[in-house]
Amino acid sequence: MAQREPGLAAGVKAVLHSRRGHAALVDNIDGIVWEADPSFRFVFVSKQAERLLGYPVERWLEEPQFWVDHLHPDDRHWAPDFCLSAVQQCLPHEFEYRMLAADGRTVWLRDIVTVHSEEGRARRLHGIMVDVTEQRSAQERLEQTVSLLEATLDSTADGLLVVDRDGRITAHNRQFKRLWGVTSMHDCPHDSMLLDKVRGQLKDPEPFFARIKALYESPEQESFDIIELKDGRVLERYSLPQWRRGLITGRVWSFRDITDRVRAGRVQARLLEEAHEAVRVRDDFLSIAAHELKTPLTPLRLQLELMKRSMTAQEPVPEERVEKALAQVHRLSTLINDLVDATSVEAGRLKLRRAPVSLLELAREACSDFRSISPEHAFTCELPPEDIVVLGDRDRLFQVLANLLENAIKYSPLGGAVRVAVSNAQDAAVLTVTDAGMGIPREEQTRLFERFFRARNAPVSGFGGLGLGLYICRDIIERHDGHIWVESELGLGSTFHVSLPVMALRPQQDSPE
């Protein structure tokens, strides 16, 4: 026995040495190694617990509810229940929670727990608590950064799409889906699927897809172009490669809706063109107006000088000279009246004095007046058996008829028939003036009632006038709730029609002409 004691002592020393080595190893592990019973009462805790949380190891062992009592308030309601459920099922488990350190710090721990059981019942728990506070902080910072980036992407006015080198969609924002009417991107993991969806929206899809193909073949290139959609929208498309550590990892596509800007530009261009046209028309009108106003002044001055000589010589003034002078005065008066009326039309100040007007009397009077003015033209007046009465301004309606007859005379300078007709058609009175003159080119008929159109046509026709007569006529007739239009062929004359609402029909007092 005495001989075996030294060997036993050596064995005990070896075991103690081994335990001290294991204890040192456990205490140097970067985490809290622990053992507890199924009620979470610790029976062993490594010294790392004091270094990590600041509480003496003795408190962990002596206080039955130490772990639960020092959990973060936000985790105290779930962490014990989670662990208890796993223990009851004898399942190993791993979870993350927060504990409050002795100095008030919040420490995130990842706890890896092993459950030792006998006959299906948990007997003891082994685990290790690892400090993951820095990882959680880094994760939270990353999540905040990602959240900020997502919010920034969703708040930008551009629609953004990011794809990798293989065309897989890696990111997009809300504006992209809105621009292209895509409700969900889950069924479009690849850009080819997305392209199939948007093809039908493109006004001209071939250049759109050709550009994409070219950029995928040359991934280092940037691109900018304009896309028009079938619904009238216009998009700017900008694309550039996505770089990471010197390598191209994908491509970023940016789409911006510039519809309003394009429309505004087109409106601005149209307004500018209209302004230039208005300036040109004004200059042409001033040139023509100066010429037309000056034309009657020369013969008027000549006739007045001849009359003055006759009066100085105490000779009788020939009536013919007086008539010629009065004709030029009438021409000047007509031009000035047209200018005044055109100004009133533009300002909306052309006033009407409405009263019942007999169109038959109006037509007879006009025919009678113009027969004396132009005896070389054969005037005929075709009137219905019943008088047609309209509610209107007699002087203004006579002005319209007189203007149409003057044009009939002017544009049939070699004479010929001029016919005035009045008829009733579907509760509307129709006044017609027909001549056998030179006619009006078909392409100019739609613009015949525009302001100054006659002035632009004057160099072609060779006849005077300011181009205001038919413009004023149209306004007068429209103010009477009527309509004026023309039918004409070159070389075959023209027919002007005026339609007015009928007020009443009554028997004629005089026989028709």
Protein backbone atom coordinates (compact mmCIF):
# COMPACT_ATOMS: atom_id res chain seq x y z
CA MET A 1 0.00 0.00 0.00
CA ALA A 2 2.83 2.33 0.91
CA GLN A 3 4.43 1.79 -2.42
CA ARG A 4 1.22 2.65 -4.34
CA GLU A 5 0.60 6.00 -2.54
CA PRO A 6 3.09 7.96 -4.57
CA GLY A 7 1.37 6.81 -7.76
CA LEU A 8 -2.06 7.81 -6.44
CA ALA A 9 -0.82 11.19 -5.42
CA ALA A 10 0.63 11.69 -8.87
CA GLY A 11 -2.71 10.78 -10.41
CA VAL A 12 -4.59 13.23 -8.21
CA LYS A 13 -2.12 15.95 -9.10
CA ALA A 14 -2.60 15.18 -12.78
CA VAL A 15 -6.40 15.43 -12.47
CA LEU A 16 -6.19 18.70 -10.55
CA HIS A 17 -3.75 20.06 -13.06
CA SER A 18 -6.08 19.06 -15.88
CA ARG A 19 -9.07 20.72 -14.19
CA ARG A 20 -7.06 23.89 -13.62
CA GLY A 21 -6.10 23.82 -17.26
CA HIS A 22 -9.73 23.36 -18.34
CA ALA A 23 -10.87 26.15 -16.01
CA ALA A 24 -8.23 28.47 -17.44
CA LEU A 25 -9.29 27.48 -20.94
CA VAL A 26 -12.96 28.14 -20.13
CA ASP A 27 -12.20 31.48 -18.48
CA ASN A 28 -10.23 32.62 -21.52
CA ILE A 29 -13.02 31.84 -24.00
CA ASP A 30 -14.40 35.07 -25.49
CA GLY A 31 -17.85 34.40 -24.09
CA ILE A 32 -19.65 33.42 -20.89
CA VAL A 33 -19.61 29.66 -20.46
CA TRP A 34 -22.35 28.61 -18.11
CA GLU A 35 -24.29 25.69 -16.65
CA ALA A 36 -27.75 25.89 -15.09
CA ASP A 37 -30.67 23.76 -14.02
CA PRO A 38 -33.97 23.69 -15.98
CA SER A 39 -35.27 26.63 -13.88
CA PHE A 40 -32.41 28.83 -15.21
CA ARG A 41 -30.55 28.86 -11.88
CA PHE A 42 -26.82 28.96 -12.62
CA VAL A 43 -24.52 26.39 -11.08
CA PHE A 44 -21.45 27.49 -13.02
CA VAL A 45 -20.48 30.71 -14.78
CA SER A 46 -17.05 31.46 -16.24
CA LYS A 47 -15.09 34.50 -15.12
CA GLN A 48 -15.75 36.16 -18.48
CA ALA A 49 -19.22 37.03 -17.08
CA GLU A 50 -17.70 39.59 -14.71
CA ARG A 51 -15.47 41.08 -17.40
CA LEU A 52 -18.38 41.29 -19.88
CA LEU A 53 -21.27 42.51 -17.69
CA GLY A 54 -19.53 43.70 -14.53
CA TYR A 55 -21.42 41.50 -12.04
CA PRO A 56 -19.45 39.21 -9.69
CA VAL A 57 -19.74 35.52 -10.52
CA GLU A 58 -21.10 34.92 -7.03
CA ARG A 59 -24.28 36.91 -7.82
CA TRP A 60 -24.95 34.74 -10.86
CA LEU A 61 -24.75 31.67 -8.62
CA GLU A 62 -26.50 32.98 -5.54
CA GLU A 63 -29.49 34.84 -7.03
CA PRO A 64 -32.03 32.31 -8.41
CA GLN A 65 -33.59 34.80 -10.86
CA PHE A 66 -30.36 36.59 -11.78
CA TRP A 67 -30.67 36.03 -15.56
CA VAL A 68 -34.34 36.98 -15.76
CA ASP A 69 -33.92 39.98 -13.46
CA HIS A 70 -31.12 41.44 -15.58
CA LEU A 71 -32.69 40.99 -18.96
CA HIS A 72 -33.52 44.15 -20.88
CA PRO A 73 -37.17 45.16 -20.14
CA ASP A 74 -38.10 44.78 -23.82
CA ASP A 75 -36.80 41.18 -23.87
CA ARG A 76 -37.97 40.08 -20.40
CA HIS A 77 -41.46 39.19 -21.64
CA TRP A 78 -40.38 36.76 -24.36
CA ALA A 79 -36.82 35.44 -23.86
CA PRO A 80 -37.54 33.24 -20.78
CA ASP A 81 -40.67 31.83 -22.42
CA PHE A 82 -38.74 31.03 -25.58
CA CYS A 83 -36.00 29.27 -23.65
CA LEU A 84 -38.45 27.44 -21.37
CA SER A 85 -40.38 26.09 -24.34
CA ALA A 86 -37.19 24.71 -25.90
CA VAL A 87 -36.06 23.20 -22.58
CA GLN A 88 -39.38 21.44 -22.07
CA GLN A 89 -38.95 19.85 -25.49
CA CYS A 90 -35.29 19.04 -24.72
CA LEU A 91 -34.25 20.96 -27.85
CA PRO A 92 -30.99 22.82 -28.35
CA HIS A 93 -31.62 26.43 -29.21
CA GLU A 94 -29.92 29.65 -30.10
CA PHE A 95 -31.29 33.16 -29.73
CA GLU A 96 -30.26 36.79 -29.25
CA TYR A 97 -31.38 39.11 -26.49
CA ARG A 98 -30.19 42.05 -24.40
CA MET A 99 -28.92 42.20 -20.81
CA LEU A 100 -28.28 45.26 -18.68
CA ALA A 101 -24.64 45.55 -17.52
CA ALA A 102 -23.66 46.75 -14.06
CA ASP A 103 -22.69 50.17 -15.48
CA GLY A 104 -26.08 50.60 -17.22
CA ARG A 105 -24.89 49.56 -20.69
CA THR A 106 -27.09 47.42 -22.90
CA VAL A 107 -25.23 44.34 -24.11
CA TRP A 108 -26.50 42.15 -26.93
CA LEU A 109 -25.82 38.44 -26.38
CA ARG A 110 -26.14 35.43 -28.61
CA ASP A 111 -26.88 32.45 -26.37
CA ILE A 112 -26.15 28.94 -27.68
CA VAL A 113 -27.85 26.41 -25.40
CA THR A 114 -27.56 22.63 -25.16
CA VAL A 115 -30.14 20.66 -23.15
CA HIS A 116 -29.02 17.48 -21.37
CA SER A 117 -31.90 15.13 -20.61
CA GLU A 118 -32.69 11.76 -19.06
CA GLU A 119 -35.77 9.76 -19.96
CA GLY A 120 -37.18 12.69 -21.86
CA ARG A 121 -36.78 15.22 -19.08
CA ALA A 122 -34.27 18.07 -19.02
CA ARG A 123 -31.71 17.71 -16.27
CA ARG A 124 -29.22 20.50 -16.90
CA LEU A 125 -28.40 23.23 -19.41
CA HIS A 126 -25.05 24.11 -20.88
CA GLY A 127 -24.45 27.21 -22.91
CA ILE A 128 -22.22 30.02 -24.02
CA MET A 129 -23.16 33.69 -24.22
CA VAL A 130 -21.28 35.62 -26.90
CA ASP A 131 -21.17 39.43 -27.00
CA VAL A 132 -22.65 40.51 -30.36
CA THR A 133 -23.25 44.17 -29.46
CA GLU A 134 -20.91 45.50 -32.13
CA GLN A 135 -22.39 43.20 -34.78
CA ARG A 136 -25.92 44.29 -33.83
CA SER A 137 -24.88 47.96 -33.94
CA ALA A 138 -23.29 47.42 -37.33
CA GLN A 139 -26.43 45.60 -38.49
CA GLU A 140 -28.66 48.42 -37.24
CA ARG A 141 -26.48 51.00 -38.98
CA LEU A 142 -26.65 48.93 -42.15
CA GLU A 143 -30.42 48.61 -41.85
CA GLN A 144 -30.72 52.38 -41.32
CA THR A 145 -28.52 52.98 -44.34
CA VAL A 146 -30.56 50.58 -46.47
CA SER A 147 -33.80 52.15 -45.20
CA LEU A 148 -32.47 55.62 -46.04
CA LEU A 149 -31.41 54.47 -49.49
CA GLU A 150 -34.79 52.87 -50.11
CA ALA A 151 -36.58 56.03 -48.96
CA THR A 152 -34.31 58.13 -51.17
CA LEU A 153 -34.93 55.87 -54.16
CA ASP A 154 -38.69 55.94 -53.60
CA SER A 155 -38.78 59.71 -53.18
CA THR A 156 -36.83 60.53 -56.34
CA ALA A 157 -38.71 61.73 -59.39
CA ASP A 158 -36.85 59.29 -61.64
CA GLY A 159 -37.80 55.67 -62.13
CA LEU A 160 -34.73 53.53 -61.36
CA LEU A 161 -33.93 49.95 -62.29
CA VAL A 162 -30.70 48.08 -61.50
CA VAL A 163 -29.70 44.81 -63.16
CA ASP A 164 -26.60 42.62 -62.89
CA ARG A 165 -24.41 41.47 -65.78
CA ASP A 166 -26.81 38.60 -66.50
CA GLY A 167 -29.88 40.85 -66.62
CA ARG A 168 -31.25 39.83 -63.23
CA ILE A 169 -33.11 42.67 -61.51
CA THR A 170 -31.36 43.59 -58.25
CA ALA A 171 -33.15 46.84 -57.32
CA HIS A 172 -35.93 49.16 -58.40
CA ASN A 173 -37.98 51.99 -56.93
CA ARG A 174 -41.66 52.87 -56.68
CA GLN A 175 -41.47 55.53 -59.40
CA PHE A 176 -40.23 52.96 -61.92
CA LYS A 177 -43.31 50.80 -61.33
CA ARG A 178 -45.57 53.85 -61.58
CA LEU A 179 -44.05 55.08 -64.85
CA TRP A 180 -44.41 51.69 -66.51
CA GLY A 181 -47.66 50.61 -64.83
CA VAL A 182 -46.07 47.55 -63.21
CA THR A 183 -48.02 46.47 -60.11
CA SER A 184 -45.55 43.83 -58.91
CA MET A 185 -41.94 42.96 -59.69
CA HIS A 186 -42.05 39.53 -58.05
CA ASP A 187 -42.98 37.85 -61.32
CA CYS A 188 -40.20 39.69 -63.19
CA PRO A 189 -36.89 38.49 -61.74
CA HIS A 190 -35.19 39.03 -65.12
CA ASP A 191 -35.22 42.09 -67.36
CA SER A 192 -36.32 40.01 -70.36
CA MET A 193 -39.64 39.33 -68.60
CA LEU A 194 -40.01 43.01 -67.80
CA LEU A 195 -39.28 44.00 -71.38
CA ASP A 196 -42.03 41.71 -72.61
CA LYS A 197 -44.43 43.53 -70.29
CA VAL A 198 -43.58 47.06 -71.48
CA ARG A 199 -43.27 46.33 -75.23
CA GLY A 200 -46.93 47.11 -75.87
CA GLN A 201 -46.58 50.58 -74.33
CA LEU A 202 -43.86 51.74 -76.71
CA LYS A 203 -44.68 53.88 -79.72
CA ASP A 204 -41.60 52.62 -81.58
CA PRO A 205 -40.20 49.51 -79.84
CA GLU A 206 -37.45 48.61 -82.34
CA PRO A 207 -34.97 51.43 -81.47
CA PHE A 208 -35.79 50.91 -77.78
CA PHE A 209 -34.72 47.25 -77.83
CA ALA A 210 -31.85 47.82 -80.24
CA ARG A 211 -30.29 50.32 -77.84
CA ILE A 212 -30.58 47.88 -74.92
CA LYS A 213 -28.90 45.14 -76.95
CA ALA A 214 -26.05 47.47 -77.94
CA LEU A 215 -25.41 48.49 -74.34
CA TYR A 216 -25.35 44.89 -73.13
CA GLU A 217 -22.81 44.11 -75.83
CA SER A 218 -20.69 47.12 -74.76
CA PRO A 219 -21.29 47.31 -70.98
CA GLU A 220 -18.84 50.17 -70.39
CA GLN A 221 -20.91 52.64 -72.45
CA GLU A 222 -23.32 55.26 -71.14
CA SER A 223 -26.50 56.15 -73.01
CA PHE A 224 -29.16 58.87 -73.21
CA ASP A 225 -32.24 58.93 -75.45
CA ILE A 226 -35.90 59.94 -75.64
CA ILE A 227 -38.76 57.41 -75.56
CA GLU A 228 -42.31 58.07 -76.73
CA LEU A 229 -45.16 55.95 -75.41
CA LYS A 230 -48.46 55.18 -77.09
CA ASP A 231 -50.42 57.07 -74.43
CA GLY A 232 -48.66 60.32 -75.38
CA ARG A 233 -46.11 60.38 -72.57
CA VAL A 234 -42.45 61.14 -73.27
CA LEU A 235 -39.63 59.69 -71.15
CA GLU A 236 -35.92 60.41 -70.92
CA ARG A 237 -33.89 57.22 -70.61
CA TYR A 238 -30.38 57.38 -69.12
CA SER A 239 -28.19 54.34 -68.55
CA LEU A 240 -24.71 53.85 -67.13
CA PRO A 241 -22.63 50.87 -65.95
CA GLN A 242 -22.50 49.92 -62.27
CA TRP A 243 -18.93 49.59 -61.02
CA ARG A 244 -17.55 47.78 -57.97
CA ARG A 245 -13.85 47.54 -57.18
CA GLY A 246 -12.96 48.41 -60.74
CA LEU A 247 -15.25 45.82 -62.30
CA ILE A 248 -18.61 46.30 -64.04
CA THR A 249 -21.18 44.41 -62.00
CA GLY A 250 -24.37 45.55 -63.73
CA ARG A 251 -26.23 48.49 -65.21
CA VAL A 252 -28.42 51.27 -63.83
CA TRP A 253 -31.41 52.49 -65.88
CA SER A 254 -33.05 55.83 -65.11
CA PHE A 255 -36.36 57.01 -66.58
CA ARG A 256 -37.79 60.52 -66.20
CA ASP A 257 -41.23 61.70 -67.33
CA ILE A 258 -40.69 64.87 -69.38
CA THR A 259 -44.15 64.95 -70.97
CA ASP A 260 -45.10 68.32 -69.48
CA ARG A 261 -41.75 69.82 -70.47
CA VAL A 262 -42.02 68.54 -74.03
CA ARG A 263 -45.59 69.78 -74.33
CA ALA A 264 -44.59 73.15 -72.92
CA GLY A 265 -41.74 73.30 -75.42
CA ARG A 266 -44.08 72.47 -78.27
CA VAL A 267 -46.57 75.10 -77.09
CA GLN A 268 -43.74 77.61 -76.79
CA ALA A 269 -42.53 76.77 -80.29
CA ARG A 270 -46.08 77.07 -81.64
CA LEU A 271 -46.62 80.40 -79.87
CA LEU A 272 -43.29 81.65 -81.19
CA GLU A 273 -44.25 80.58 -84.69
CA GLU A 274 -47.62 82.25 -84.30
CA ALA A 275 -45.93 85.41 -83.02
CA HIS A 276 -43.60 85.46 -86.03
CA GLU A 277 -46.58 84.87 -88.30
CA ALA A 278 -48.51 87.66 -86.58
CA VAL A 279 -45.60 90.03 -87.07
CA ARG A 280 -45.36 89.05 -90.73
CA VAL A 281 -49.12 89.47 -91.19
CA ARG A 282 -48.97 92.84 -89.45
CA ASP A 283 -46.13 94.02 -91.65
CA ASP A 284 -47.93 92.79 -94.77
CA PHE A 285 -51.15 94.43 -93.60
CA LEU A 286 -49.47 97.75 -92.85
CA SER A 287 -47.84 97.71 -96.25
CA ILE A 288 -51.12 96.87 -98.00
CA ALA A 289 -53.16 99.27 -95.83
CA ALA A 290 -50.78 102.11 -96.60
CA HIS A 291 -51.03 101.31 -100.30
CA GLU A 292 -54.83 100.93 -100.25
CA LEU A 293 -55.36 104.14 -98.27
CA LYS A 294 -52.99 106.04 -100.51
CA THR A 295 -54.51 104.76 -103.77
CA PRO A 296 -57.75 106.82 -103.65
CA LEU A 297 -55.94 109.92 -102.43
CA THR A 298 -54.12 110.52 -105.75
CA PRO A 299 -57.24 110.65 -107.98
CA LEU A 300 -59.14 112.51 -105.23
CA ARG A 301 -56.45 115.17 -105.06
CA LEU A 302 -56.41 115.36 -108.87
CA GLN A 303 -60.20 115.85 -109.07
CA LEU A 304 -60.13 118.47 -106.31
CA GLU A 305 -57.32 120.40 -108.04
CA LEU A 306 -59.28 120.34 -111.34
CA MET A 307 -62.41 121.57 -109.54
CA LYS A 308 -60.35 124.32 -107.86
CA ARG A 309 -59.03 125.49 -111.26
CA SER A 310 -62.53 125.57 -112.67
CA MET A 311 -63.75 127.60 -109.70
CA THR A 312 -60.75 129.98 -109.98
CA ALA A 313 -61.50 130.49 -113.67
CA GLN A 314 -65.15 130.96 -112.71
CA GLU A 315 -66.03 128.02 -114.89
CA PRO A 316 -68.76 125.51 -114.03
CA VAL A 317 -67.51 122.36 -112.21
CA PRO A 318 -68.36 119.26 -114.28
CA GLU A 319 -70.63 116.88 -112.35
CA GLU A 320 -68.46 113.98 -113.51
CA ARG A 321 -65.50 115.31 -111.50
CA VAL A 322 -67.62 115.61 -108.40
CA GLU A 323 -68.84 112.02 -108.84
CA LYS A 324 -65.28 110.75 -109.26
CA ALA A 325 -64.14 112.61 -106.16
CA LEU A 326 -67.09 111.25 -104.17
CA ALA A 327 -66.28 107.72 -105.37
CA GLN A 328 -62.77 108.01 -103.98
CA VAL A 329 -64.13 109.42 -100.72
CA HIS A 330 -66.49 106.44 -100.53
CA ARG A 331 -63.58 104.09 -101.09
CA LEU A 332 -61.60 105.75 -98.30
CA SER A 333 -64.63 105.62 -96.03
CA THR A 334 -65.12 101.91 -96.73
CA LEU A 335 -61.47 101.13 -95.90
CA ILE A 336 -61.60 103.13 -92.68
CA ASN A 337 -64.92 101.55 -91.65
CA ASP A 338 -63.44 98.09 -92.23
CA LEU A 339 -60.53 98.96 -89.95
CA VAL A 340 -62.86 100.25 -87.24
CA ASP A 341 -65.14 97.22 -87.51
CA ALA A 342 -62.20 94.78 -87.44
CA THR A 343 -60.92 96.44 -84.26
CA SER A 344 -64.39 96.14 -82.70
CA VAL A 345 -64.60 92.47 -83.69
CA GLU A 346 -61.22 91.73 -82.09
CA ALA A 347 -62.21 93.53 -78.89
CA GLY A 348 -65.69 91.95 -78.85
CA ARG A 349 -67.30 95.39 -79.00
CA LEU A 350 -69.23 95.03 -82.24
CA LYS A 351 -72.78 95.81 -81.13
CA LEU A 352 -76.05 94.80 -82.78
CA ARG A 353 -79.42 96.59 -82.67
CA ARG A 354 -81.84 93.74 -83.09
CA ALA A 355 -85.30 94.09 -84.64
CA PRO A 356 -87.41 92.11 -87.15
CA VAL A 357 -85.78 92.33 -90.60
CA SER A 358 -87.40 91.38 -93.92
CA LEU A 359 -84.79 89.54 -95.98
CA LEU A 360 -86.80 90.12 -99.17
CA GLU A 361 -86.75 93.89 -98.68
CA LEU A 362 -83.06 93.71 -97.85
CA ALA A 363 -82.31 91.74 -101.04
CA ARG A 364 -84.41 94.07 -103.28
CA GLU A 365 -82.70 97.17 -101.87
CA ALA A 366 -79.21 95.75 -102.35
CA CYS A 367 -79.92 94.64 -105.93
CA SER A 368 -81.36 98.04 -106.76
CA ASP A 369 -78.35 99.91 -105.34
CA PHE A 370 -75.78 97.77 -107.11
CA ARG A 371 -77.50 97.91 -110.49
CA SER A 372 -76.82 101.63 -110.52
CA ILE A 373 -73.25 101.17 -109.35
CA SER A 374 -72.27 98.51 -111.90
CA PRO A 375 -74.48 98.56 -114.97
CA GLU A 376 -72.16 96.14 -116.78
CA HIS A 377 -73.28 93.30 -114.48
CA ALA A 378 -76.68 91.65 -114.83
CA PHE A 379 -78.25 91.51 -111.36
CA THR A 380 -81.13 89.11 -110.73
CA CYS A 381 -83.08 88.67 -107.52
CA GLU A 382 -84.82 85.35 -106.87
CA LEU A 383 -87.28 85.61 -103.99
CA PRO A 384 -89.84 83.16 -102.54
CA PRO A 385 -93.60 83.88 -102.51
CA GLU A 386 -93.58 84.40 -98.75
CA ASP A 387 -91.51 86.98 -96.94
CA ILE A 388 -88.87 85.65 -94.51
CA VAL A 389 -88.30 87.64 -91.33
CA VAL A 390 -85.23 87.29 -89.09
CA LEU A 391 -84.34 88.98 -85.82
CA GLY A 392 -81.22 91.02 -86.38
CA ASP A 393 -79.46 94.29 -87.04
CA ARG A 394 -80.67 95.50 -90.46
CA ASP A 395 -77.68 97.77 -91.11
CA ARG A 396 -75.17 95.02 -90.26
CA LEU A 397 -77.01 92.43 -92.38
CA PHE A 398 -77.09 94.93 -95.28
CA GLN A 399 -73.33 95.44 -94.73
CA VAL A 400 -72.82 91.67 -95.18
CA LEU A 401 -74.91 91.53 -98.35
CA ALA A 402 -73.23 94.64 -99.76
CA ASN A 403 -69.79 93.16 -99.10
CA LEU A 404 -70.71 89.94 -100.90
CA LEU A 405 -72.05 91.92 -103.89
CA GLU A 406 -68.94 94.12 -104.00
CA ASN A 407 -66.76 90.99 -104.09
CA ALA A 408 -68.98 89.53 -106.85
CA ILE A 409 -68.40 92.67 -108.92
CA LYS A 410 -64.70 92.88 -108.07
CA TYR A 411 -63.91 89.26 -108.96
CA SER A 412 -65.91 89.28 -112.20
CA PRO A 413 -64.38 92.43 -113.74
CA LEU A 414 -65.56 91.59 -117.28
CA GLY A 415 -69.19 91.72 -116.25
CA GLY A 416 -71.59 88.81 -116.14
CA ALA A 417 -74.52 87.64 -114.08
CA VAL A 418 -74.78 88.24 -110.36
CA ARG A 419 -77.66 86.41 -108.68
CA VAL A 420 -79.15 87.12 -105.27
CA ALA A 421 -81.50 84.45 -103.88
CA VAL A 422 -83.46 84.04 -100.66
CA SER A 423 -84.91 80.68 -99.58
CA ASN A 424 -86.27 78.88 -96.53
CA ALA A 425 -84.80 75.51 -95.50
CA GLN A 426 -85.63 73.69 -92.26
CA ASP A 427 -86.46 76.77 -90.18
CA ALA A 428 -83.41 78.61 -91.49
CA ALA A 429 -83.29 81.45 -93.97
CA VAL A 430 -80.60 81.12 -96.63
CA LEU A 431 -79.31 84.17 -98.47
CA THR A 432 -77.18 83.35 -101.52
CA VAL A 433 -74.96 85.52 -103.74
CA THR A 434 -73.59 83.90 -106.92
CA ASP A 435 -71.20 85.36 -109.49
CA ALA A 436 -69.65 84.06 -112.72
CA GLY A 437 -66.17 85.37 -111.95
CA MET A 438 -62.71 83.85 -111.64
CA GLY A 439 -63.48 81.65 -108.61
CA ILE A 440 -61.40 80.88 -105.54
CA PRO A 441 -58.69 78.17 -105.29
CA ARG A 442 -59.96 75.22 -103.22
CA GLU A 443 -56.95 75.26 -100.86
CA GLU A 444 -57.69 78.92 -99.96
CA GLN A 445 -61.41 78.56 -99.31
CA THR A 446 -61.01 77.31 -95.71
CA ARG A 447 -59.04 80.46 -94.83
CA LEU A 448 -61.18 82.91 -96.76
CA PHE A 449 -62.89 84.27 -93.64
CA GLU A 450 -59.68 84.80 -91.67
CA ARG A 451 -58.47 88.27 -90.79
CA PHE A 452 -56.12 89.79 -93.40
CA PHE A 453 -56.32 86.71 -95.62
CA ARG A 454 -57.25 88.93 -98.55
CA ALA A 455 -54.11 90.95 -97.89
CA ARG A 456 -51.96 87.83 -98.29
CA ASN A 457 -53.83 86.91 -101.46
CA ALA A 458 -53.71 90.39 -103.01
CA PRO A 459 -50.43 90.00 -104.91
CA VAL A 460 -51.85 86.88 -106.61
CA SER A 461 -55.26 88.25 -107.52
CA GLY A 462 -54.18 91.78 -108.36
CA PHE A 463 -57.22 93.33 -106.66
CA GLY A 464 -57.23 95.84 -103.83
CA GLY A 465 -58.67 95.53 -100.35
CA LEU A 466 -57.50 94.94 -96.79
CA GLY A 467 -58.77 91.37 -96.44
CA LEU A 468 -61.14 92.38 -93.65
CA GLY A 469 -64.54 92.30 -95.36
CA LEU A 470 -65.30 88.58 -95.12
CA TYR A 471 -63.72 88.42 -91.66
CA ILE A 472 -66.19 91.07 -90.46
CA CYS A 473 -69.06 89.36 -92.30
CA ARG A 474 -68.38 86.09 -90.51
CA ASP A 475 -68.43 87.78 -87.11
CA ILE A 476 -71.70 89.61 -87.88
CA ILE A 477 -73.42 86.43 -89.06
CA GLU A 478 -72.16 84.36 -86.12
CA ARG A 479 -73.44 87.04 -83.73
CA HIS A 480 -76.83 86.46 -85.38
CA ASP A 481 -76.46 82.72 -84.56
CA GLY A 482 -75.96 82.06 -88.25
CA HIS A 483 -73.36 80.56 -90.54
CA ILE A 484 -71.56 81.74 -93.68
CA TRP A 485 -69.71 79.56 -96.19
CA VAL A 486 -68.55 79.49 -99.80
CA GLU A 487 -68.63 77.09 -102.76
CA SER A 488 -66.32 77.90 -105.64
CA GLU A 489 -64.31 76.48 -108.55
CA LEU A 490 -61.58 78.26 -110.46
CA GLY A 491 -62.95 79.81 -113.66
CA LEU A 492 -66.56 78.95 -112.77
CA GLY A 493 -67.40 81.65 -110.23
CA SER A 494 -68.31 81.55 -106.54
CA THR A 495 -71.43 81.17 -104.42
CA PHE A 496 -71.60 82.56 -100.90
CA HIS A 497 -74.30 81.26 -98.54
CA VAL A 498 -75.58 82.93 -95.40
CA SER A 499 -77.85 80.94 -93.06
CA LEU A 500 -79.90 82.71 -90.36
CA PRO A 501 -82.54 81.53 -87.87
CA VAL A 502 -86.05 82.33 -89.11
CA MET A 503 -88.24 84.53 -86.91
CA ALA A 504 -91.45 84.34 -89.01
CA LEU A 505 -92.92 83.72 -92.49
CA ARG A 506 -95.55 86.08 -93.88
CA PRO A 507 -97.17 86.89 -97.24
CA GLN A 508 -95.30 89.37 -99.42
CA GLN A 509 -96.65 92.91 -99.67
CA ASP A 510 -94.97 93.48 -103.00
CA SER A 511 -94.59 91.16 -105.94
CA PRO A 512 -91.19 89.50 -106.25
CA GLU A 513 -88.72 90.74 -108.81
